Amino acid sequence: MSKKTVTMKMPIPKPTTAADAWVGESTTDVSEAPKSSKVVALRGEAETEPNKRLTIDITESLHKRIKAQCAMRGTKMADVIRELLEKEFAA
């Protein structure tokens, strides 16, 4: 008994034109814009300072209080915490 071998090539789907256009387009929508960096003036020249991520552990009850207060004020938690850190550790 002989064995039969079948070789099949699967077609590779090409991305649609709409998808290519979407990936290539630039956006001015703030929700999709990259996170901004703080601008620092050094010797009279404006220089963009890169952001660094800070991860801390807090209790669930503190997180809920912060989140609720920020929601009522219409602010972002990260912005409020960043402002508090800037006040505490002023340059």
C-alpha atoms as a PDB file:
ATOM      1  CA  MET A   1       0.000   0.000   0.000  1.00  0.00           C
ATOM      2  CA  SER A   2       1.445   3.368  -0.968  1.00  0.00           C
ATOM      3  CA  LYS A   3       1.126   6.545   1.081  1.00  0.00           C
ATOM      4  CA  LYS A   4      -0.203   9.645  -0.542  1.00  0.00           C
ATOM      5  CA  THR A   5       1.211  13.013   0.406  1.00  0.00           C
ATOM      6  CA  VAL A   6      -0.780  16.153  -0.182  1.00  0.00           C
ATOM      7  CA  THR A   7       0.885  19.534   0.089  1.00  0.00           C
ATOM      8  CA  MET A   8      -1.349  22.569   0.472  1.00  0.00           C
ATOM      9  CA  LYS A   9      -0.356  26.186   0.582  1.00  0.00           C
ATOM     10  CA  MET A  10      -2.630  28.327   2.686  1.00  0.00           C
ATOM     11  CA  PRO A  11      -3.229  31.759   1.232  1.00  0.00           C
ATOM     12  CA  ILE A  12      -2.007  34.571   3.465  1.00  0.00           C
ATOM     13  CA  PRO A  13      -4.767  37.129   3.715  1.00  0.00           C
ATOM     14  CA  LYS A  14      -3.693  40.637   2.871  1.00  0.00           C
ATOM     15  CA  PRO A  15      -4.819  43.459   5.166  1.00  0.00           C
ATOM     16  CA  THR A  16      -7.699  45.452   3.875  1.00  0.00           C
ATOM     17  CA  THR A  17      -7.133  48.934   2.542  1.00  0.00           C
ATOM     18  CA  ALA A  18      -9.257  50.409   5.325  1.00  0.00           C
ATOM     19  CA  ALA A  19      -7.098  48.758   7.982  1.00  0.00           C
ATOM     20  CA  ASP A  20      -3.908  50.013   6.326  1.00  0.00           C
ATOM     21  CA  ALA A  21      -5.322  53.529   6.203  1.00  0.00           C
ATOM     22  CA  TRP A  22      -6.382  53.383   9.865  1.00  0.00           C
ATOM     23  CA  VAL A  23      -2.955  52.213  11.031  1.00  0.00           C
ATOM     24  CA  GLY A  24      -1.175  54.849   8.970  1.00  0.00           C
ATOM     25  CA  GLU A  25      -3.300  57.829   9.951  1.00  0.00           C
ATOM     26  CA  SER A  26      -2.226  60.290  12.588  1.00  0.00           C
ATOM     27  CA  THR A  27      -4.657  61.261  15.294  1.00  0.00           C
ATOM     28  CA  THR A  28      -5.353  64.441  17.209  1.00  0.00           C
ATOM     29  CA  ASP A  29      -7.879  62.739  19.485  1.00  0.00           C
ATOM     30  CA  VAL A  30      -6.618  63.244  23.035  1.00  0.00           C
ATOM     31  CA  SER A  31      -7.832  59.812  24.134  1.00  0.00           C
ATOM     32  CA  GLU A  32      -5.560  58.166  21.564  1.00  0.00           C
ATOM     33  CA  ALA A  33      -2.609  60.542  21.843  1.00  0.00           C
ATOM     34  CA  PRO A  34       0.574  59.350  23.539  1.00  0.00           C
ATOM     35  CA  LYS A  35       1.081  60.348  27.156  1.00  0.00           C
ATOM     36  CA  SER A  36       2.665  63.764  27.383  1.00  0.00           C
ATOM     37  CA  SER A  37       5.923  64.450  29.119  1.00  0.00           C
ATOM     38  CA  LYS A  38       6.690  67.317  31.423  1.00  0.00           C
ATOM     39  CA  VAL A  39       8.633  70.143  29.796  1.00  0.00           C
ATOM     40  CA  VAL A  40      11.590  71.348  31.835  1.00  0.00           C
ATOM     41  CA  ALA A  41      13.545  74.533  31.190  1.00  0.00           C
ATOM     42  CA  LEU A  42      17.286  74.029  31.402  1.00  0.00           C
ATOM     43  CA  ARG A  43      19.587  76.982  30.750  1.00  0.00           C
ATOM     44  CA  GLY A  44      16.797  78.829  28.939  1.00  0.00           C
ATOM     45  CA  GLU A  45      16.033  75.898  26.619  1.00  0.00           C
ATOM     46  CA  ALA A  46      12.840  73.863  26.822  1.00  0.00           C
ATOM     47  CA  GLU A  47      13.583  70.158  27.048  1.00  0.00           C
ATOM     48  CA  THR A  48      11.072  67.320  27.267  1.00  0.00           C
ATOM     49  CA  GLU A  49      11.565  65.214  30.358  1.00  0.00           C
ATOM     50  CA  PRO A  50      10.664  61.527  29.897  1.00  0.00           C
ATOM     51  CA  ASN A  51       7.992  59.990  32.112  1.00  0.00           C
ATOM     52  CA  LYS A  52       8.699  57.167  34.544  1.00  0.00           C
ATOM     53  CA  ARG A  53       6.081  54.757  35.877  1.00  0.00           C
ATOM     54  CA  LEU A  54       5.585  54.468  39.654  1.00  0.00           C
ATOM     55  CA  THR A  55       3.660  51.542  41.113  1.00  0.00           C
ATOM     56  CA  ILE A  56       2.512  51.586  44.730  1.00  0.00           C
ATOM     57  CA  ASP A  57       0.261  49.348  46.790  1.00  0.00           C
ATOM     58  CA  ILE A  58      -2.576  50.999  48.719  1.00  0.00           C
ATOM     59  CA  THR A  59      -5.521  49.585  50.610  1.00  0.00           C
ATOM     60  CA  GLU A  60      -8.737  48.911  48.775  1.00  0.00           C
ATOM     61  CA  SER A  61     -10.628  51.393  50.954  1.00  0.00           C
ATOM     62  CA  LEU A  62      -8.133  54.197  50.174  1.00  0.00           C
ATOM     63  CA  HIS A  63      -8.333  53.382  46.466  1.00  0.00           C
ATOM     64  CA  LYS A  64     -12.129  53.590  46.574  1.00  0.00           C
ATOM     65  CA  ARG A  65     -12.042  56.945  48.406  1.00  0.00           C
ATOM     66  CA  ILE A  66      -9.567  58.433  45.932  1.00  0.00           C
ATOM     67  CA  LYS A  67     -11.510  57.104  42.958  1.00  0.00           C
ATOM     68  CA  ALA A  68     -14.854  58.376  44.282  1.00  0.00           C
ATOM     69  CA  GLN A  69     -13.501  61.869  45.051  1.00  0.00           C
ATOM     70  CA  CYS A  70     -11.848  62.111  41.643  1.00  0.00           C
ATOM     71  CA  ALA A  71     -15.050  61.005  39.914  1.00  0.00           C
ATOM     72  CA  MET A  72     -17.061  63.655  41.775  1.00  0.00           C
ATOM     73  CA  ARG A  73     -14.487  66.332  40.851  1.00  0.00           C
ATOM     74  CA  GLY A  74     -14.212  65.127  37.261  1.00  0.00           C
ATOM     75  CA  THR A  75     -10.462  64.600  37.544  1.00  0.00           C
ATOM     76  CA  LYS A  76      -8.169  61.674  36.881  1.00  0.00           C
ATOM     77  CA  MET A  77      -6.627  59.819  39.808  1.00  0.00           C
ATOM     78  CA  ALA A  78      -3.173  59.983  38.244  1.00  0.00           C
ATOM     79  CA  ASP A  79      -3.390  63.772  37.835  1.00  0.00           C
ATOM     80  CA  VAL A  80      -4.419  64.306  41.479  1.00  0.00           C
ATOM     81  CA  ILE A  81      -1.691  62.010  42.818  1.00  0.00           C
ATOM     82  CA  ARG A  82       0.897  63.595  40.514  1.00  0.00           C
ATOM     83  CA  GLU A  83      -0.100  67.053  41.823  1.00  0.00           C
ATOM     84  CA  LEU A  84       0.189  65.882  45.450  1.00  0.00           C
ATOM     85  CA  LEU A  85       3.654  64.460  44.780  1.00  0.00           C
ATOM     86  CA  GLU A  86       4.749  67.708  43.082  1.00  0.00           C
ATOM     87  CA  LYS A  87       3.605  69.707  46.153  1.00  0.00           C
ATOM     88  CA  GLU A  88       5.354  67.369  48.600  1.00  0.00           C
ATOM     89  CA  PHE A  89       8.584  67.135  46.591  1.00  0.00           C
ATOM     90  CA  ALA A  90       8.827  70.601  45.042  1.00  0.00           C
ATOM     91  CA  ALA A  91      11.918  71.265  42.945  1.00  0.00           C
END
